[in-house]
Amino acid sequence: MPPPRIRHGFRRPFHLRPVLSSTTLALLYCSFAGAASAFSALAFYAASPHCRWPRLRRAGRLGRQIGGVAAATALWLWMGQLGLATGLCVTLAGWMLTALVLPYLAAWTRPEREARR
């Protein structure tokens, strides 16, 4: 049985069918947005005087600029997926969650003690 034809006798070739579903693409899109938001918070933490990781503190000279670009990218990605208001809320929630966890993670790993040895 021949494949069904679309208008004007055109049928879609098999190799042009999408490989990833829209749900998978949306999940990837949101994963990249969440990673950009977390990276932004990490860059701002590296630029702050409260950063307890010596290696991250040395690399944090451009932290504010990199963090700003990553925050704008995360905001753009979330807004593209969820809309203006929801994208802004999700960006800020992810950013603040990461900013809250980083000092506790630094205190738990105790990097200052290892740097003194």
N, C-alpha and C. Protein backbone atom coordinates (compact mmCIF):
# COMPACT_ATOMS: atom_id res chain seq x y z
N MET A 1 0.83 -1.16 0.00
CA MET A 1 0.00 0.00 0.00
C MET A 1 0.89 1.24 0.00
N PRO A 2 0.70 2.17 -0.91
CA PRO A 2 1.54 3.37 -0.99
C PRO A 2 1.25 4.31 0.19
N PRO A 3 2.27 5.10 0.59
CA PRO A 3 2.06 6.03 1.69
C PRO A 3 1.02 7.09 1.32
N PRO A 4 0.33 7.63 2.32
CA PRO A 4 -0.69 8.64 2.01
C PRO A 4 -0.06 9.89 1.42
N ARG A 5 -0.75 10.47 0.47
CA ARG A 5 -0.25 11.67 -0.20
C ARG A 5 -0.91 12.91 0.39
N ILE A 6 -0.12 13.96 0.43
CA ILE A 6 -0.63 15.24 0.89
C ILE A 6 -1.05 16.03 -0.35
N ARG A 7 -1.60 17.18 -0.19
CA ARG A 7 -2.10 17.99 -1.30
C ARG A 7 -1.11 18.08 -2.45
N HIS A 8 -1.63 18.17 -3.61
CA HIS A 8 -0.89 18.33 -4.87
C HIS A 8 0.07 17.16 -5.13
N GLY A 9 -0.21 16.03 -4.57
CA GLY A 9 0.60 14.86 -4.86
C GLY A 9 1.94 14.83 -4.16
N PHE A 10 2.19 15.74 -3.24
CA PHE A 10 3.48 15.78 -2.54
C PHE A 10 3.43 14.87 -1.33
N ARG A 11 4.38 14.01 -1.21
CA ARG A 11 4.47 13.20 0.00
C ARG A 11 5.80 13.49 0.69
N ARG A 12 5.75 13.45 1.96
CA ARG A 12 6.92 13.80 2.76
C ARG A 12 7.91 12.64 2.76
N PRO A 13 9.16 12.92 2.40
CA PRO A 13 10.18 11.85 2.44
C PRO A 13 10.47 11.42 3.86
N PHE A 14 10.88 10.19 4.00
CA PHE A 14 11.14 9.62 5.32
C PHE A 14 12.27 10.35 6.04
N HIS A 15 13.30 10.78 5.33
CA HIS A 15 14.46 11.38 5.98
C HIS A 15 14.18 12.80 6.48
N LEU A 16 13.05 13.39 6.19
CA LEU A 16 12.73 14.72 6.68
C LEU A 16 11.84 14.70 7.92
N ARG A 17 11.51 13.56 8.42
CA ARG A 17 10.70 13.47 9.62
C ARG A 17 11.53 13.86 10.84
N PRO A 18 10.92 14.55 11.82
CA PRO A 18 11.70 14.99 12.98
C PRO A 18 12.20 13.81 13.81
N VAL A 19 13.42 13.95 14.31
CA VAL A 19 14.03 12.89 15.10
C VAL A 19 13.62 13.03 16.57
N LEU A 20 13.61 14.25 17.08
CA LEU A 20 13.25 14.48 18.47
C LEU A 20 11.83 15.01 18.55
N SER A 21 11.10 14.57 19.55
CA SER A 21 9.74 15.05 19.73
C SER A 21 9.75 16.45 20.33
N SER A 22 8.64 17.13 20.30
CA SER A 22 8.57 18.48 20.85
C SER A 22 8.75 18.47 22.36
N THR A 23 8.32 17.40 23.00
CA THR A 23 8.50 17.30 24.45
C THR A 23 9.98 17.18 24.80
N THR A 24 10.72 16.41 24.04
CA THR A 24 12.15 16.26 24.28
C THR A 24 12.88 17.58 24.03
N LEU A 25 12.51 18.28 22.98
CA LEU A 25 13.14 19.56 22.70
C LEU A 25 12.83 20.59 23.79
N ALA A 26 11.61 20.59 24.30
CA ALA A 26 11.25 21.51 25.38
C ALA A 26 12.05 21.17 26.64
N LEU A 27 12.26 19.90 26.92
CA LEU A 27 13.04 19.49 28.08
C LEU A 27 14.50 19.92 27.93
N LEU A 28 15.06 19.78 26.76
CA LEU A 28 16.43 20.24 26.51
C LEU A 28 16.54 21.75 26.65
N TYR A 29 15.56 22.45 26.12
CA TYR A 29 15.53 23.91 26.18
C TYR A 29 15.51 24.37 27.63
N CYS A 30 14.66 23.76 28.45
CA CYS A 30 14.57 24.12 29.86
C CYS A 30 15.82 23.71 30.63
N SER A 31 16.45 22.62 30.24
CA SER A 31 17.70 22.21 30.89
C SER A 31 18.81 23.22 30.63
N PHE A 32 18.92 23.69 29.39
CA PHE A 32 19.91 24.72 29.07
C PHE A 32 19.63 26.01 29.82
N ALA A 33 18.36 26.38 29.96
CA ALA A 33 17.99 27.59 30.68
C ALA A 33 18.34 27.46 32.16
N GLY A 34 18.06 26.31 32.76
CA GLY A 34 18.40 26.09 34.16
C GLY A 34 19.90 26.09 34.40
N ALA A 35 20.64 25.49 33.47
CA ALA A 35 22.10 25.48 33.60
C ALA A 35 22.66 26.89 33.45
N ALA A 36 22.10 27.70 32.56
CA ALA A 36 22.56 29.08 32.41
C ALA A 36 22.26 29.90 33.65
N SER A 37 21.12 29.67 34.26
CA SER A 37 20.77 30.37 35.49
C SER A 37 21.71 29.98 36.64
N ALA A 38 22.00 28.70 36.77
CA ALA A 38 22.92 28.23 37.81
C ALA A 38 24.34 28.74 37.56
N PHE A 39 24.77 28.76 36.30
CA PHE A 39 26.10 29.26 35.98
C PHE A 39 26.21 30.75 36.28
N SER A 40 25.13 31.48 36.06
CA SER A 40 25.11 32.90 36.37
C SER A 40 25.32 33.13 37.86
N ALA A 41 24.60 32.38 38.68
CA ALA A 41 24.75 32.51 40.13
C ALA A 41 26.16 32.12 40.57
N LEU A 42 26.72 31.10 39.95
CA LEU A 42 28.09 30.69 40.27
C LEU A 42 29.09 31.77 39.90
N ALA A 43 28.90 32.42 38.76
CA ALA A 43 29.80 33.49 38.34
C ALA A 43 29.71 34.69 39.28
N PHE A 44 28.50 35.04 39.71
CA PHE A 44 28.36 36.14 40.66
C PHE A 44 28.96 35.78 42.02
N TYR A 45 28.84 34.53 42.42
CA TYR A 45 29.44 34.08 43.68
C TYR A 45 30.97 34.13 43.59
N ALA A 46 31.52 33.79 42.44
CA ALA A 46 32.97 33.84 42.26
C ALA A 46 33.48 35.27 42.33
N ALA A 47 32.68 36.23 41.91
CA ALA A 47 33.09 37.63 41.94
C ALA A 47 32.89 38.28 43.30
N SER A 48 32.15 37.64 44.18
CA SER A 48 31.87 38.25 45.48
C SER A 48 33.04 38.04 46.45
N PRO A 49 33.19 38.91 47.43
CA PRO A 49 34.26 38.71 48.42
C PRO A 49 33.97 37.56 49.39
N HIS A 50 32.77 37.01 49.34
CA HIS A 50 32.39 35.92 50.24
C HIS A 50 32.70 34.54 49.68
N CYS A 51 33.28 34.49 48.49
CA CYS A 51 33.59 33.21 47.86
C CYS A 51 34.66 32.50 48.68
N ARG A 52 34.40 31.27 49.06
CA ARG A 52 35.32 30.52 49.91
C ARG A 52 36.22 29.56 49.14
N TRP A 53 35.98 29.40 47.85
CA TRP A 53 36.83 28.52 47.04
C TRP A 53 37.94 29.35 46.41
N PRO A 54 39.19 29.12 46.79
CA PRO A 54 40.29 29.94 46.27
C PRO A 54 40.44 29.89 44.74
N ARG A 55 40.31 28.72 44.17
CA ARG A 55 40.46 28.59 42.72
C ARG A 55 39.35 29.34 41.98
N LEU A 56 38.14 29.26 42.52
CA LEU A 56 37.02 29.98 41.91
C LEU A 56 37.16 31.48 42.12
N ARG A 57 37.70 31.89 43.26
CA ARG A 57 37.90 33.31 43.53
C ARG A 57 38.93 33.90 42.58
N ARG A 58 39.98 33.16 42.26
CA ARG A 58 40.98 33.64 41.31
C ARG A 58 40.40 33.77 39.91
N ALA A 59 39.51 32.87 39.56
CA ALA A 59 38.90 32.91 38.23
C ALA A 59 37.73 33.87 38.16
N GLY A 60 37.39 34.50 39.27
CA GLY A 60 36.19 35.32 39.31
C GLY A 60 36.38 36.78 38.98
N ARG A 61 37.47 37.16 38.34
CA ARG A 61 37.69 38.56 38.00
C ARG A 61 36.61 39.10 37.08
N LEU A 62 36.24 38.31 36.12
CA LEU A 62 35.20 38.74 35.18
C LEU A 62 33.84 38.17 35.56
N GLY A 63 33.70 37.78 36.81
CA GLY A 63 32.48 37.11 37.25
C GLY A 63 31.21 37.92 37.06
N ARG A 64 31.28 39.20 37.31
CA ARG A 64 30.08 40.02 37.15
C ARG A 64 29.65 40.13 35.70
N GLN A 65 30.60 40.31 34.80
CA GLN A 65 30.24 40.41 33.38
C GLN A 65 29.74 39.07 32.84
N ILE A 66 30.43 38.00 33.19
CA ILE A 66 30.02 36.67 32.74
C ILE A 66 28.67 36.30 33.36
N GLY A 67 28.49 36.63 34.64
CA GLY A 67 27.23 36.36 35.31
C GLY A 67 26.08 37.13 34.70
N GLY A 68 26.32 38.37 34.30
CA GLY A 68 25.28 39.17 33.65
C GLY A 68 24.87 38.60 32.31
N VAL A 69 25.85 38.17 31.53
CA VAL A 69 25.54 37.56 30.23
C VAL A 69 24.80 36.24 30.41
N ALA A 70 25.24 35.45 31.37
CA ALA A 70 24.56 34.16 31.62
C ALA A 70 23.15 34.38 32.16
N ALA A 71 22.95 35.40 33.00
CA ALA A 71 21.61 35.70 33.51
C ALA A 71 20.69 36.15 32.39
N ALA A 72 21.19 36.99 31.50
CA ALA A 72 20.38 37.44 30.36
C ALA A 72 20.05 36.27 29.44
N THR A 73 21.00 35.37 29.25
CA THR A 73 20.76 34.19 28.41
C THR A 73 19.70 33.29 29.05
N ALA A 74 19.82 33.07 30.36
CA ALA A 74 18.83 32.23 31.05
C ALA A 74 17.45 32.86 30.98
N LEU A 75 17.39 34.17 31.18
CA LEU A 75 16.11 34.87 31.11
C LEU A 75 15.51 34.75 29.72
N TRP A 76 16.32 34.92 28.70
CA TRP A 76 15.85 34.81 27.31
C TRP A 76 15.36 33.40 27.01
N LEU A 77 16.09 32.39 27.47
CA LEU A 77 15.68 31.01 27.23
C LEU A 77 14.38 30.67 27.95
N TRP A 78 14.28 31.04 29.23
CA TRP A 78 13.05 30.75 29.98
C TRP A 78 11.86 31.50 29.41
N MET A 79 12.06 32.76 29.03
CA MET A 79 10.96 33.53 28.48
C MET A 79 10.54 32.98 27.12
N GLY A 80 11.46 32.46 26.36
CA GLY A 80 11.12 31.85 25.08
C GLY A 80 10.28 30.59 25.25
N GLN A 81 10.49 29.90 26.33
CA GLN A 81 9.76 28.65 26.56
C GLN A 81 8.45 28.87 27.31
N LEU A 82 8.45 29.77 28.31
CA LEU A 82 7.31 29.89 29.21
C LEU A 82 6.55 31.20 29.12
N GLY A 83 7.10 32.19 28.47
CA GLY A 83 6.44 33.49 28.41
C GLY A 83 7.16 34.50 29.30
N LEU A 84 6.69 35.75 29.24
CA LEU A 84 7.39 36.85 29.91
C LEU A 84 7.40 36.72 31.44
N ALA A 85 6.24 36.73 32.06
CA ALA A 85 6.18 36.75 33.52
C ALA A 85 6.66 35.44 34.14
N THR A 86 6.23 34.33 33.59
CA THR A 86 6.65 33.03 34.14
C THR A 86 8.13 32.81 33.93
N GLY A 87 8.65 33.21 32.79
CA GLY A 87 10.08 33.08 32.53
C GLY A 87 10.91 33.88 33.50
N LEU A 88 10.45 35.10 33.82
CA LEU A 88 11.16 35.92 34.79
C LEU A 88 11.14 35.29 36.18
N CYS A 89 10.00 34.77 36.58
CA CYS A 89 9.89 34.13 37.90
C CYS A 89 10.75 32.88 38.00
N VAL A 90 10.74 32.05 36.98
CA VAL A 90 11.52 30.81 37.01
C VAL A 90 13.02 31.12 36.97
N THR A 91 13.41 32.13 36.19
CA THR A 91 14.82 32.53 36.16
C THR A 91 15.28 32.98 37.53
N LEU A 92 14.51 33.84 38.16
CA LEU A 92 14.89 34.33 39.49
C LEU A 92 14.86 33.22 40.54
N ALA A 93 13.90 32.32 40.44
CA ALA A 93 13.83 31.21 41.40
C ALA A 93 15.04 30.30 41.27
N GLY A 94 15.40 29.94 40.06
CA GLY A 94 16.58 29.09 39.87
C GLY A 94 17.86 29.79 40.28
N TRP A 95 17.94 31.08 39.97
CA TRP A 95 19.12 31.85 40.32
C TRP A 95 19.27 31.95 41.84
N MET A 96 18.18 32.25 42.53
CA MET A 96 18.24 32.41 43.98
C MET A 96 18.46 31.07 44.69
N LEU A 97 17.90 30.01 44.16
CA LEU A 97 18.14 28.69 44.75
C LEU A 97 19.61 28.34 44.68
N THR A 98 20.23 28.58 43.54
CA THR A 98 21.66 28.30 43.39
C THR A 98 22.48 29.22 44.27
N ALA A 99 22.10 30.51 44.32
CA ALA A 99 22.84 31.46 45.15
C ALA A 99 22.72 31.11 46.64
N LEU A 100 21.63 30.49 47.03
CA LEU A 100 21.45 30.07 48.41
C LEU A 100 22.28 28.82 48.73
N VAL A 101 22.38 27.90 47.79
CA VAL A 101 23.06 26.63 48.03
C VAL A 101 24.58 26.77 48.00
N LEU A 102 25.12 27.68 47.19
CA LEU A 102 26.58 27.78 47.02
C LEU A 102 27.34 28.04 48.32
N PRO A 103 26.94 29.00 49.18
CA PRO A 103 27.70 29.18 50.43
C PRO A 103 27.65 27.96 51.35
N TYR A 104 26.52 27.28 51.39
CA TYR A 104 26.43 26.08 52.21
C TYR A 104 27.30 24.96 51.65
N LEU A 105 27.35 24.85 50.35
CA LEU A 105 28.21 23.86 49.72
C LEU A 105 29.68 24.18 49.98
N ALA A 106 30.02 25.47 49.94
CA ALA A 106 31.40 25.87 50.22
C ALA A 106 31.76 25.60 51.67
N ALA A 107 30.84 25.84 52.59
CA ALA A 107 31.12 25.57 54.00
C ALA A 107 31.23 24.07 54.26
N TRP A 108 30.46 23.29 53.53
CA TRP A 108 30.48 21.85 53.73
C TRP A 108 31.78 21.23 53.22
N THR A 109 32.31 21.77 52.13
CA THR A 109 33.55 21.22 51.57
C THR A 109 34.80 21.74 52.27
N ARG A 110 34.70 22.83 53.01
CA ARG A 110 35.78 23.44 53.77
C ARG A 110 37.03 23.68 52.92
N PRO A 111 36.94 24.49 51.89
CA PRO A 111 38.10 24.70 51.02
C PRO A 111 39.19 25.56 51.64
N GLU A 112 38.88 26.41 52.61
CA GLU A 112 39.90 27.27 53.22
C GLU A 112 40.92 26.44 53.98
N ARG A 113 40.50 25.39 54.63
CA ARG A 113 41.41 24.53 55.38
C ARG A 113 42.39 23.84 54.43
N GLU A 114 41.89 23.38 53.29
CA GLU A 114 42.76 22.70 52.33
C GLU A 114 43.73 23.66 51.67
N ALA A 115 43.33 24.93 51.49
CA ALA A 115 44.21 25.91 50.87
C ALA A 115 45.37 26.30 51.78
N ARG A 116 45.18 26.20 53.09
CA ARG A 116 46.22 26.57 54.05
C ARG A 116 47.31 25.51 54.18
N ARG A 117 47.02 24.29 53.85
CA ARG A 117 47.98 23.19 54.00
C ARG A 117 49.10 23.28 53.01
